[in-house]
């Protein structure tokens, strides 16, 4: 009898935890305490398996193509790829973000400082990606870099690596770099797509 009660108790706790999963799309765009931009990580830096957050199931599911998990057939992600919560772009999804930092687990929510905005022509559709660094100095790998000008000046090779990676991550010729903008343009873009 005690074993049955413990089992039932465990099942009820498990159900309540599963029913209380975080809805990452409903998180605020800016943190409540420090008013900093937030980023939800879907694809950790250094990985090739593309995951996206599914608001219906509250899970980070692998992207599918022809019934198989979509694996990036190029170099792994150069940063932590995810989205800015509380945003909705013209394509119907949240605003993408690439956080330049050490690999963070899927589902991590970070306070970030926007560095810039990347404009891409992705097979005829305009895509905008916020480039950011963690707000916490202990998580930063690009020291003293919180503006686009500082990023370009201190890390010109990183800028070129990102340009080449974004151009080559899909089928050659399907993605073109339309331009780069500074941190102010990134913040304006975020505010323009906030729900």
N, C-alpha and C. Protein backbone atom coordinates (compact mmCIF):
# COMPACT_ATOMS: atom_id res chain seq x y z
N UNK A 1 0.82 -1.20 0.00
CA UNK A 1 0.00 0.00 0.00
C UNK A 1 0.87 1.26 0.00
N UNK A 2 1.93 1.27 0.86
CA UNK A 2 2.80 2.44 0.90
C UNK A 2 3.49 2.66 -0.45
N UNK A 3 3.92 1.54 -1.07
CA UNK A 3 4.56 1.64 -2.38
C UNK A 3 3.63 2.25 -3.41
N UNK A 4 2.36 1.87 -3.36
CA UNK A 4 1.37 2.41 -4.30
C UNK A 4 1.16 3.89 -4.06
N UNK A 5 1.15 4.31 -2.79
CA UNK A 5 0.97 5.73 -2.46
C UNK A 5 2.18 6.54 -2.94
N UNK A 6 3.37 5.98 -2.73
CA UNK A 6 4.57 6.68 -3.19
C UNK A 6 4.58 6.81 -4.71
N UNK A 7 4.20 5.75 -5.39
CA UNK A 7 4.14 5.77 -6.85
C UNK A 7 3.14 6.80 -7.32
N UNK A 8 1.96 6.82 -6.70
CA UNK A 8 0.93 7.79 -7.07
C UNK A 8 1.42 9.22 -6.80
N UNK A 9 2.07 9.42 -5.67
CA UNK A 9 2.61 10.74 -5.34
C UNK A 9 3.66 11.17 -6.35
N UNK A 10 4.54 10.26 -6.74
CA UNK A 10 5.56 10.57 -7.74
C UNK A 10 4.94 10.93 -9.07
N UNK A 11 3.91 10.18 -9.45
CA UNK A 11 3.23 10.47 -10.72
C UNK A 11 2.57 11.84 -10.69
N UNK A 12 1.92 12.17 -9.58
CA UNK A 12 1.27 13.49 -9.47
C UNK A 12 2.28 14.62 -9.51
N UNK A 13 3.41 14.44 -8.83
CA UNK A 13 4.46 15.46 -8.87
C UNK A 13 4.98 15.59 -10.30
N UNK A 14 5.22 14.46 -10.97
CA UNK A 14 5.69 14.50 -12.35
C UNK A 14 4.71 15.20 -13.27
N UNK A 15 3.43 14.94 -13.09
CA UNK A 15 2.41 15.60 -13.92
C UNK A 15 2.37 17.09 -13.65
N UNK A 16 2.51 17.49 -12.39
CA UNK A 16 2.44 18.93 -12.09
C UNK A 16 3.66 19.64 -12.64
N UNK A 17 4.83 18.99 -12.61
CA UNK A 17 6.02 19.60 -13.19
C UNK A 17 5.87 19.72 -14.70
N UNK A 18 5.39 18.66 -15.35
CA UNK A 18 5.21 18.69 -16.81
C UNK A 18 4.19 19.75 -17.20
N UNK A 19 3.16 19.94 -16.39
CA UNK A 19 2.13 20.93 -16.69
C UNK A 19 2.58 22.35 -16.44
N UNK A 20 3.72 22.52 -15.75
CA UNK A 20 4.21 23.86 -15.42
C UNK A 20 5.44 24.22 -16.23
N UNK A 21 5.60 23.64 -17.41
CA UNK A 21 6.75 23.95 -18.24
C UNK A 21 6.72 25.41 -18.65
N UNK A 22 7.90 25.99 -18.78
CA UNK A 22 8.02 27.39 -19.15
C UNK A 22 7.56 27.61 -20.58
N UNK A 23 6.76 28.64 -20.79
CA UNK A 23 6.41 29.07 -22.15
C UNK A 23 7.38 30.19 -22.49
N UNK A 24 8.46 29.84 -23.18
CA UNK A 24 9.54 30.78 -23.46
C UNK A 24 9.08 31.96 -24.31
N UNK A 25 8.05 31.76 -25.12
CA UNK A 25 7.58 32.88 -25.97
C UNK A 25 6.88 33.94 -25.14
N UNK A 26 6.42 33.57 -23.94
CA UNK A 26 5.71 34.52 -23.09
C UNK A 26 6.63 35.23 -22.11
N UNK A 27 7.91 34.91 -22.12
CA UNK A 27 8.85 35.64 -21.26
C UNK A 27 8.93 37.08 -21.74
N UNK A 28 9.25 38.01 -20.85
CA UNK A 28 9.37 39.40 -21.29
C UNK A 28 10.60 39.59 -22.18
N UNK A 29 10.51 40.54 -23.07
CA UNK A 29 11.61 40.86 -23.98
C UNK A 29 12.81 41.40 -23.19
N UNK A 30 12.51 42.22 -22.20
CA UNK A 30 13.56 42.80 -21.35
C UNK A 30 13.38 42.27 -19.93
N UNK A 31 14.49 41.96 -19.25
CA UNK A 31 14.41 41.44 -17.90
C UNK A 31 13.77 42.47 -16.97
N UNK A 32 12.99 41.98 -16.03
CA UNK A 32 12.25 42.86 -15.13
C UNK A 32 13.18 43.64 -14.22
N UNK A 33 14.19 42.97 -13.68
CA UNK A 33 15.04 43.61 -12.69
C UNK A 33 16.02 44.61 -13.30
N UNK A 34 16.73 44.18 -14.33
CA UNK A 34 17.80 45.04 -14.87
C UNK A 34 17.45 45.70 -16.20
N UNK A 35 16.27 45.38 -16.74
CA UNK A 35 15.81 45.98 -18.01
C UNK A 35 16.77 45.71 -19.16
N UNK A 36 17.35 44.51 -19.17
CA UNK A 36 18.26 44.11 -20.24
C UNK A 36 17.55 43.17 -21.20
N UNK A 37 17.96 43.19 -22.47
CA UNK A 37 17.39 42.32 -23.48
C UNK A 37 17.64 40.86 -23.09
N UNK A 38 16.65 40.00 -23.34
CA UNK A 38 16.79 38.58 -23.03
C UNK A 38 16.88 37.77 -24.32
N UNK A 39 17.57 36.65 -24.23
CA UNK A 39 17.69 35.72 -25.36
C UNK A 39 17.43 34.32 -24.85
N UNK A 40 16.67 33.53 -25.61
CA UNK A 40 16.41 32.13 -25.31
C UNK A 40 17.25 31.31 -26.29
N UNK A 41 18.10 30.43 -25.76
CA UNK A 41 18.99 29.64 -26.60
C UNK A 41 18.29 28.37 -27.08
N UNK A 42 18.29 28.19 -28.40
CA UNK A 42 17.75 26.98 -29.02
C UNK A 42 18.87 26.04 -29.46
N UNK A 43 19.90 26.60 -30.11
CA UNK A 43 21.01 25.81 -30.64
C UNK A 43 22.30 26.29 -29.97
N UNK A 44 22.91 25.44 -29.14
CA UNK A 44 24.16 25.84 -28.48
C UNK A 44 25.29 26.05 -29.49
N UNK A 45 26.20 26.95 -29.16
CA UNK A 45 27.39 27.17 -29.98
C UNK A 45 28.14 25.85 -30.13
N UNK A 46 28.67 25.61 -31.32
CA UNK A 46 29.47 24.42 -31.56
C UNK A 46 28.68 23.17 -31.92
N UNK A 47 27.37 23.30 -32.16
CA UNK A 47 26.57 22.14 -32.52
C UNK A 47 25.99 22.32 -33.92
N UNK A 48 25.54 21.22 -34.51
CA UNK A 48 24.98 21.24 -35.86
C UNK A 48 23.52 20.85 -35.92
N UNK A 49 22.98 20.25 -34.86
CA UNK A 49 21.58 19.84 -34.84
C UNK A 49 20.71 21.07 -34.63
N UNK A 50 19.86 21.36 -35.62
CA UNK A 50 19.02 22.55 -35.53
C UNK A 50 17.76 22.24 -34.73
N UNK A 51 17.57 22.99 -33.67
CA UNK A 51 16.38 22.87 -32.82
C UNK A 51 15.63 24.18 -32.83
N UNK A 52 14.32 24.09 -32.68
CA UNK A 52 13.49 25.28 -32.55
C UNK A 52 12.50 25.03 -31.43
N UNK A 53 12.16 26.10 -30.75
CA UNK A 53 11.20 26.02 -29.66
C UNK A 53 9.79 25.91 -30.24
N UNK A 54 9.02 24.96 -29.75
CA UNK A 54 7.63 24.77 -30.19
C UNK A 54 6.72 25.26 -29.07
N UNK A 55 6.06 26.42 -29.25
CA UNK A 55 5.21 26.96 -28.19
C UNK A 55 4.01 26.07 -27.85
N UNK A 56 3.60 25.22 -28.76
CA UNK A 56 2.46 24.34 -28.50
C UNK A 56 2.82 23.24 -27.50
N UNK A 57 4.04 22.72 -27.61
CA UNK A 57 4.46 21.63 -26.72
C UNK A 57 5.40 22.09 -25.62
N UNK A 58 5.89 23.32 -25.71
CA UNK A 58 6.87 23.87 -24.76
C UNK A 58 8.17 23.06 -24.77
N UNK A 59 8.53 22.55 -25.94
CA UNK A 59 9.75 21.76 -26.07
C UNK A 59 10.63 22.34 -27.17
N UNK A 60 11.91 22.04 -27.07
CA UNK A 60 12.87 22.41 -28.10
C UNK A 60 13.07 21.18 -28.98
N UNK A 61 12.38 21.16 -30.10
CA UNK A 61 12.37 19.99 -30.98
C UNK A 61 13.34 20.17 -32.13
N UNK A 62 13.98 19.06 -32.55
CA UNK A 62 14.83 19.14 -33.74
C UNK A 62 14.00 19.55 -34.95
N UNK A 63 14.57 20.39 -35.81
CA UNK A 63 13.91 20.76 -37.05
C UNK A 63 13.88 19.53 -37.95
N UNK A 64 12.80 19.36 -38.67
CA UNK A 64 12.65 18.20 -39.54
C UNK A 64 12.68 18.64 -41.01
N UNK A 65 13.29 17.81 -41.82
CA UNK A 65 13.26 17.97 -43.28
C UNK A 65 13.13 16.58 -43.86
N UNK A 66 12.04 16.36 -44.58
CA UNK A 66 11.75 15.05 -45.17
C UNK A 66 11.74 13.95 -44.10
N UNK A 67 11.20 14.29 -42.92
CA UNK A 67 11.05 13.31 -41.85
C UNK A 67 12.30 12.99 -41.07
N UNK A 68 13.39 13.69 -41.34
CA UNK A 68 14.64 13.46 -40.63
C UNK A 68 15.07 14.73 -39.92
N UNK A 69 15.79 14.56 -38.79
CA UNK A 69 16.32 15.72 -38.08
C UNK A 69 17.23 16.51 -39.01
N UNK A 70 17.05 17.82 -39.00
CA UNK A 70 17.87 18.68 -39.86
C UNK A 70 19.20 18.96 -39.16
N UNK A 71 20.25 18.53 -39.79
CA UNK A 71 21.59 18.75 -39.29
C UNK A 71 22.29 19.69 -40.28
N UNK A 72 22.83 20.75 -39.77
CA UNK A 72 23.54 21.73 -40.59
C UNK A 72 24.76 21.05 -41.21
N UNK A 73 24.80 21.00 -42.52
CA UNK A 73 25.91 20.34 -43.22
C UNK A 73 26.98 21.37 -43.56
N UNK A 74 27.47 21.97 -42.52
CA UNK A 74 28.53 22.97 -42.64
C UNK A 74 29.19 23.05 -41.27
N UNK A 75 30.02 24.02 -41.07
CA UNK A 75 30.63 24.20 -39.75
C UNK A 75 29.55 24.44 -38.71
N UNK A 76 29.76 24.02 -37.46
CA UNK A 76 28.74 24.21 -36.44
C UNK A 76 28.47 25.69 -36.16
N UNK A 77 27.40 25.94 -35.44
CA UNK A 77 27.02 27.31 -35.10
C UNK A 77 28.17 28.02 -34.39
N UNK A 78 28.54 29.23 -34.84
CA UNK A 78 29.66 29.96 -34.24
C UNK A 78 29.28 30.68 -32.94
N UNK A 79 28.02 30.65 -32.60
CA UNK A 79 27.51 31.26 -31.37
C UNK A 79 26.25 30.52 -30.97
N UNK A 80 25.65 30.95 -29.90
CA UNK A 80 24.40 30.36 -29.41
C UNK A 80 23.24 31.00 -30.14
N UNK A 81 22.50 30.20 -30.90
CA UNK A 81 21.42 30.72 -31.73
C UNK A 81 20.09 30.51 -31.01
N UNK A 82 19.25 31.51 -31.07
CA UNK A 82 17.94 31.41 -30.44
C UNK A 82 17.04 32.55 -30.86
N UNK A 83 16.25 33.03 -29.90
CA UNK A 83 15.30 34.09 -30.22
C UNK A 83 15.12 35.05 -29.06
N UNK A 84 14.59 36.21 -29.39
CA UNK A 84 14.25 37.22 -28.39
C UNK A 84 12.80 36.97 -27.99
N UNK A 85 12.53 36.64 -26.73
CA UNK A 85 11.15 36.36 -26.33
C UNK A 85 10.29 37.62 -26.41
N UNK A 86 8.99 37.40 -26.55
CA UNK A 86 8.05 38.53 -26.59
C UNK A 86 8.08 39.31 -27.88
N UNK A 87 8.65 38.71 -28.94
CA UNK A 87 8.70 39.37 -30.25
C UNK A 87 7.98 38.51 -31.28
N UNK A 88 7.55 39.17 -32.36
CA UNK A 88 6.88 38.47 -33.45
C UNK A 88 7.20 39.21 -34.74
N UNK A 89 7.93 38.55 -35.64
CA UNK A 89 8.35 39.19 -36.88
C UNK A 89 7.30 39.00 -37.97
N UNK A 90 7.53 39.60 -39.12
CA UNK A 90 6.60 39.50 -40.25
C UNK A 90 6.46 38.06 -40.74
N UNK A 91 7.48 37.22 -40.50
CA UNK A 91 7.41 35.82 -40.92
C UNK A 91 6.61 34.97 -39.92
N UNK A 92 6.18 35.57 -38.82
CA UNK A 92 5.35 34.87 -37.85
C UNK A 92 6.12 34.26 -36.69
N UNK A 93 7.42 34.33 -36.71
CA UNK A 93 8.22 33.77 -35.62
C UNK A 93 8.88 34.87 -34.82
N UNK A 94 9.51 34.49 -33.73
CA UNK A 94 10.22 35.50 -32.93
C UNK A 94 11.50 35.95 -33.63
N UNK A 95 12.03 37.08 -33.18
CA UNK A 95 13.25 37.66 -33.75
C UNK A 95 14.46 36.80 -33.39
N UNK A 96 15.22 36.32 -34.40
CA UNK A 96 16.40 35.50 -34.12
C UNK A 96 17.52 36.31 -33.48
N UNK A 97 18.33 35.61 -32.69
CA UNK A 97 19.49 36.22 -32.04
C UNK A 97 20.65 35.22 -32.06
N UNK A 98 21.86 35.73 -32.25
CA UNK A 98 23.07 34.92 -32.15
C UNK A 98 23.90 35.53 -31.03
N UNK A 99 24.07 34.77 -29.94
CA UNK A 99 24.82 35.25 -28.79
C UNK A 99 26.24 34.70 -28.87
N UNK A 100 27.20 35.62 -28.98
CA UNK A 100 28.60 35.25 -29.10
C UNK A 100 29.17 35.00 -27.71
N UNK A 101 29.22 33.73 -27.33
CA UNK A 101 29.66 33.32 -26.00
C UNK A 101 29.99 31.84 -26.04
N UNK A 102 30.53 31.33 -24.93
CA UNK A 102 30.74 29.90 -24.83
C UNK A 102 29.40 29.20 -24.93
N UNK A 103 29.43 27.94 -25.29
CA UNK A 103 28.22 27.16 -25.51
C UNK A 103 27.32 27.17 -24.28
N UNK A 104 26.04 27.45 -24.52
CA UNK A 104 25.02 27.47 -23.47
C UNK A 104 24.00 26.38 -23.77
N UNK A 105 23.49 25.68 -22.77
CA UNK A 105 22.52 24.62 -23.04
C UNK A 105 21.22 25.14 -23.66
N UNK A 106 20.59 24.30 -24.45
CA UNK A 106 19.27 24.61 -25.01
C UNK A 106 18.32 24.95 -23.86
N UNK A 107 17.57 26.03 -24.02
CA UNK A 107 16.62 26.45 -23.00
C UNK A 107 17.16 27.49 -22.04
N UNK A 108 18.44 27.81 -22.16
CA UNK A 108 19.03 28.84 -21.30
C UNK A 108 18.44 30.20 -21.68
N UNK A 109 18.13 31.00 -20.68
CA UNK A 109 17.69 32.37 -20.89
C UNK A 109 18.81 33.28 -20.38
N UNK A 110 19.33 34.12 -21.28
CA UNK A 110 20.44 35.01 -20.94
C UNK A 110 20.02 36.46 -21.08
N UNK A 111 20.54 37.31 -20.19
CA UNK A 111 20.47 38.75 -20.41
C UNK A 111 21.63 39.07 -21.34
N UNK A 112 21.35 39.83 -22.40
CA UNK A 112 22.37 40.11 -23.40
C UNK A 112 22.43 41.60 -23.73
N UNK A 113 23.57 41.98 -24.31
CA UNK A 113 23.77 43.33 -24.83
C UNK A 113 23.82 43.22 -26.34
N UNK A 114 22.90 43.88 -27.06
CA UNK A 114 22.94 43.82 -28.52
C UNK A 114 24.19 44.52 -29.05
N UNK A 115 24.88 43.86 -29.98
CA UNK A 115 26.04 44.45 -30.64
C UNK A 115 25.68 45.03 -31.98
N UNK A 116 24.79 44.37 -32.68
CA UNK A 116 24.45 44.79 -34.03
C UNK A 116 23.29 44.00 -34.58
N UNK A 117 22.99 44.31 -35.83
CA UNK A 117 21.88 43.67 -36.52
C UNK A 117 22.37 43.24 -37.90
N UNK A 118 22.19 41.97 -38.21
CA UNK A 118 22.56 41.42 -39.50
C UNK A 118 21.32 41.33 -40.37
N UNK A 119 21.40 41.84 -41.59
CA UNK A 119 20.30 41.79 -42.55
C UNK A 119 20.65 40.77 -43.62
N UNK A 120 19.79 39.77 -43.78
CA UNK A 120 20.03 38.69 -44.74
C UNK A 120 18.91 38.61 -45.76
N UNK A 121 19.26 38.28 -46.97
CA UNK A 121 18.28 37.89 -47.98
C UNK A 121 18.34 36.37 -48.00
N UNK A 122 17.33 35.74 -47.42
CA UNK A 122 17.28 34.28 -47.31
C UNK A 122 16.28 33.76 -48.35
N UNK A 123 16.79 33.42 -49.52
CA UNK A 123 15.97 32.92 -50.63
C UNK A 123 14.83 33.87 -50.94
N UNK A 124 15.13 35.16 -50.95
CA UNK A 124 14.14 36.17 -51.31
C UNK A 124 13.39 36.79 -50.14
N UNK A 125 13.56 36.25 -48.94
CA UNK A 125 12.88 36.80 -47.75
C UNK A 125 13.91 37.54 -46.90
N UNK A 126 13.54 38.75 -46.45
CA UNK A 126 14.43 39.53 -45.60
C UNK A 126 14.39 38.96 -44.19
N UNK A 127 15.55 38.60 -43.68
CA UNK A 127 15.69 38.05 -42.33
C UNK A 127 16.64 38.96 -41.56
N UNK A 128 16.26 39.25 -40.32
CA UNK A 128 17.10 40.06 -39.45
C UNK A 128 17.54 39.20 -38.27
N UNK A 129 18.81 39.29 -37.91
CA UNK A 129 19.35 38.53 -36.79
C UNK A 129 20.09 39.50 -35.89
N UNK A 130 19.72 39.53 -34.61
CA UNK A 130 20.41 40.36 -33.63
C UNK A 130 21.69 39.63 -33.24
N UNK A 131 22.80 40.35 -33.25
CA UNK A 131 24.07 39.82 -32.73
C UNK A 131 24.23 40.39 -31.33
N UNK A 132 24.60 39.54 -30.38
CA UNK A 132 24.67 39.99 -28.99
C UNK A 132 25.79 39.29 -28.24
N UNK A 133 26.11 39.84 -27.08
CA UNK A 133 27.04 39.23 -26.14
C UNK A 133 26.33 39.16 -24.79
N UNK A 134 26.73 38.23 -23.91
CA UNK A 134 26.11 38.17 -22.59
C UNK A 134 26.33 39.47 -21.82
N UNK A 135 25.35 39.84 -21.03
CA UNK A 135 25.47 41.07 -20.22
C UNK A 135 26.43 40.85 -19.05
N UNK A 136 26.48 39.63 -18.52
CA UNK A 136 27.38 39.35 -17.39
C UNK A 136 28.82 39.29 -17.87
N UNK A 137 29.69 40.12 -17.31
CA UNK A 137 31.10 40.09 -17.72
C UNK A 137 31.75 38.71 -17.59
N UNK A 138 31.34 37.92 -16.60
CA UNK A 138 31.94 36.59 -16.42
C UNK A 138 31.61 35.63 -17.56
N UNK A 139 30.57 35.94 -18.35
CA UNK A 139 30.18 35.08 -19.48
C UNK A 139 30.69 35.61 -20.82
N UNK A 140 31.32 36.76 -20.80
CA UNK A 140 31.78 37.37 -22.05
C UNK A 140 33.11 36.79 -22.49
N UNK A 141 33.20 36.47 -23.78
CA UNK A 141 34.46 36.01 -24.35
C UNK A 141 35.09 37.11 -25.21
N UNK A 142 34.31 38.09 -25.62
CA UNK A 142 34.80 39.23 -26.39
C UNK A 142 34.90 40.40 -25.42
N UNK A 143 36.04 40.56 -24.81
CA UNK A 143 36.23 41.54 -23.75
C UNK A 143 36.06 42.98 -24.26
N UNK A 144 35.46 43.79 -23.40
CA UNK A 144 35.27 45.22 -23.66
C UNK A 144 34.61 45.47 -25.02
N UNK A 145 33.62 44.65 -25.32
CA UNK A 145 32.91 44.78 -26.59
C UNK A 145 31.42 44.82 -26.32
N UNK A 146 30.87 46.03 -26.34
CA UNK A 146 29.43 46.18 -26.14
C UNK A 146 28.80 47.08 -27.20
N UNK A 147 29.59 47.42 -28.22
CA UNK A 147 29.08 48.22 -29.33
C UNK A 147 29.56 47.62 -30.65
N UNK A 148 28.87 47.96 -31.72
CA UNK A 148 29.25 47.48 -33.05
C UNK A 148 30.64 47.99 -33.42
N UNK A 149 30.91 49.26 -33.13
CA UNK A 149 32.21 49.85 -33.46
C UNK A 149 33.34 49.11 -32.74
N UNK A 150 33.15 48.79 -31.47
CA UNK A 150 34.18 48.06 -30.72
C UNK A 150 34.36 46.65 -31.28
N UNK A 151 33.27 46.00 -31.66
CA UNK A 151 33.35 44.65 -32.24
C UNK A 151 34.16 44.67 -33.53
N UNK A 152 33.84 45.59 -34.42
CA UNK A 152 34.55 45.69 -35.70
C UNK A 152 36.02 46.03 -35.49
N UNK A 153 36.30 46.93 -34.56
CA UNK A 153 37.67 47.36 -34.32
C UNK A 153 38.51 46.26 -33.66
N UNK A 154 37.96 45.62 -32.64
CA UNK A 154 38.73 44.63 -31.87
C UNK A 154 38.74 43.24 -32.52
N UNK A 155 37.66 42.90 -33.22
CA UNK A 155 37.51 41.55 -33.75
C UNK A 155 37.10 41.55 -35.23
N UNK A 156 37.89 42.16 -36.10
CA UNK A 156 37.51 42.19 -37.52
C UNK A 156 37.44 40.79 -38.14
N UNK A 157 38.27 39.88 -37.69
CA UNK A 157 38.23 38.51 -38.24
C UNK A 157 36.93 37.81 -37.83
N UNK A 158 36.44 38.06 -36.61
CA UNK A 158 35.17 37.46 -36.17
C UNK A 158 34.03 37.95 -37.05
N UNK A 159 34.06 39.21 -37.41
CA UNK A 159 33.04 39.77 -38.31
C UNK A 159 33.05 39.03 -39.64
N UNK A 160 34.24 38.79 -40.18
CA UNK A 160 34.37 38.08 -41.46
C UNK A 160 33.93 36.62 -41.33
N UNK A 161 34.26 35.98 -40.21
CA UNK A 161 33.84 34.60 -39.98
C UNK A 161 32.32 34.51 -39.97
N UNK A 162 31.66 35.43 -39.27
CA UNK A 162 30.19 35.43 -39.22
C UNK A 162 29.60 35.65 -40.61
N UNK A 163 30.18 36.57 -41.37
CA UNK A 163 29.70 36.83 -42.73
C UNK A 163 29.77 35.55 -43.56
N UNK A 164 30.92 34.91 -43.56
CA UNK A 164 31.09 33.68 -44.35
C UNK A 164 30.19 32.56 -43.84
N UNK A 165 30.07 32.42 -42.52
CA UNK A 165 29.24 31.34 -41.97
C UNK A 165 27.78 31.51 -42.38
N UNK A 166 27.25 32.72 -42.23
CA UNK A 166 25.84 32.92 -42.59
C UNK A 166 25.62 32.71 -44.09
N UNK A 167 26.58 33.10 -44.92
CA UNK A 167 26.42 32.91 -46.36
C UNK A 167 26.48 31.45 -46.77
N UNK A 168 27.23 30.64 -46.04
CA UNK A 168 27.47 29.26 -46.44
C UNK A 168 26.66 28.23 -45.67
N UNK A 169 25.89 28.64 -44.66
CA UNK A 169 25.22 27.65 -43.80
C UNK A 169 24.12 26.89 -44.53
N UNK A 170 23.58 27.43 -45.58
CA UNK A 170 22.54 26.76 -46.37
C UNK A 170 23.10 26.45 -47.75
N UNK A 171 22.26 26.10 -48.67
CA UNK A 171 22.71 25.86 -50.03
C UNK A 171 23.39 27.11 -50.58
N UNK A 172 24.55 26.94 -51.22
CA UNK A 172 25.27 28.10 -51.76
C UNK A 172 24.38 28.99 -52.64
N UNK A 173 24.45 30.27 -52.39
CA UNK A 173 23.70 31.23 -53.19
C UNK A 173 22.30 31.54 -52.69
N UNK A 174 21.81 30.82 -51.67
CA UNK A 174 20.45 31.09 -51.19
C UNK A 174 20.42 32.21 -50.16
N UNK A 175 21.56 32.50 -49.53
CA UNK A 175 21.61 33.56 -48.52
C UNK A 175 22.63 34.60 -48.94
N UNK A 176 22.18 35.85 -48.93
CA UNK A 176 23.07 36.98 -49.22
C UNK A 176 23.06 37.93 -48.04
N UNK A 177 24.22 38.50 -47.73
CA UNK A 177 24.31 39.51 -46.69
C UNK A 177 23.85 40.83 -47.29
N UNK A 178 22.81 41.41 -46.72
CA UNK A 178 22.28 42.69 -47.20
C UNK A 178 22.91 43.87 -46.47
N UNK A 179 23.44 43.61 -45.28
CA UNK A 179 24.09 44.67 -44.54
C UNK A 179 24.20 44.36 -43.06
N UNK A 180 24.93 45.23 -42.38
CA UNK A 180 25.14 45.15 -40.94
C UNK A 180 24.78 46.51 -40.35
N UNK A 181 24.14 46.49 -39.22
CA UNK A 181 23.81 47.75 -38.55
C UNK A 181 24.29 47.69 -37.11
N UNK A 182 24.29 48.83 -36.46
CA UNK A 182 24.86 48.92 -35.11
C UNK A 182 23.88 48.50 -34.03
N UNK A 183 24.33 48.62 -32.79
CA UNK A 183 23.53 48.20 -31.63
C UNK A 183 22.23 48.99 -31.49
N UNK A 184 22.25 50.27 -31.87
CA UNK A 184 21.02 51.07 -31.80
C UNK A 184 19.97 50.54 -32.77
N UNK A 185 20.39 50.18 -33.98
CA UNK A 185 19.46 49.60 -34.96
C UNK A 185 18.92 48.27 -34.45
N UNK A 186 19.75 47.50 -33.75
CA UNK A 186 19.28 46.22 -33.18
C UNK A 186 18.19 46.46 -32.15
N UNK A 187 18.41 47.43 -31.26
CA UNK A 187 17.40 47.74 -30.23
C UNK A 187 16.12 48.26 -30.89
N UNK A 188 16.25 49.11 -31.90
CA UNK A 188 15.06 49.62 -32.61
C UNK A 188 14.30 48.47 -33.28
N UNK A 189 15.02 47.51 -33.85
CA UNK A 189 14.38 46.36 -34.48
C UNK A 189 13.63 45.55 -33.43
N UNK A 190 14.24 45.30 -32.30
CA UNK A 190 13.58 44.56 -31.22
C UNK A 190 12.29 45.27 -30.82
N UNK A 191 12.38 46.56 -30.58
CA UNK A 191 11.19 47.32 -30.13
C UNK A 191 10.10 47.33 -31.20
N UNK A 192 10.49 47.29 -32.46
CA UNK A 192 9.48 47.34 -33.54
C UNK A 192 8.69 46.03 -33.69
N UNK A 193 9.25 44.93 -33.16
CA UNK A 193 8.55 43.64 -33.29
C UNK A 193 8.08 43.08 -31.94
N UNK A 194 8.14 43.90 -30.91
CA UNK A 194 7.63 43.46 -29.60
C UNK A 194 6.12 43.33 -29.66
N UNK A 195 5.60 42.30 -28.96
CA UNK A 195 4.15 42.12 -28.90
C UNK A 195 3.56 43.00 -27.83
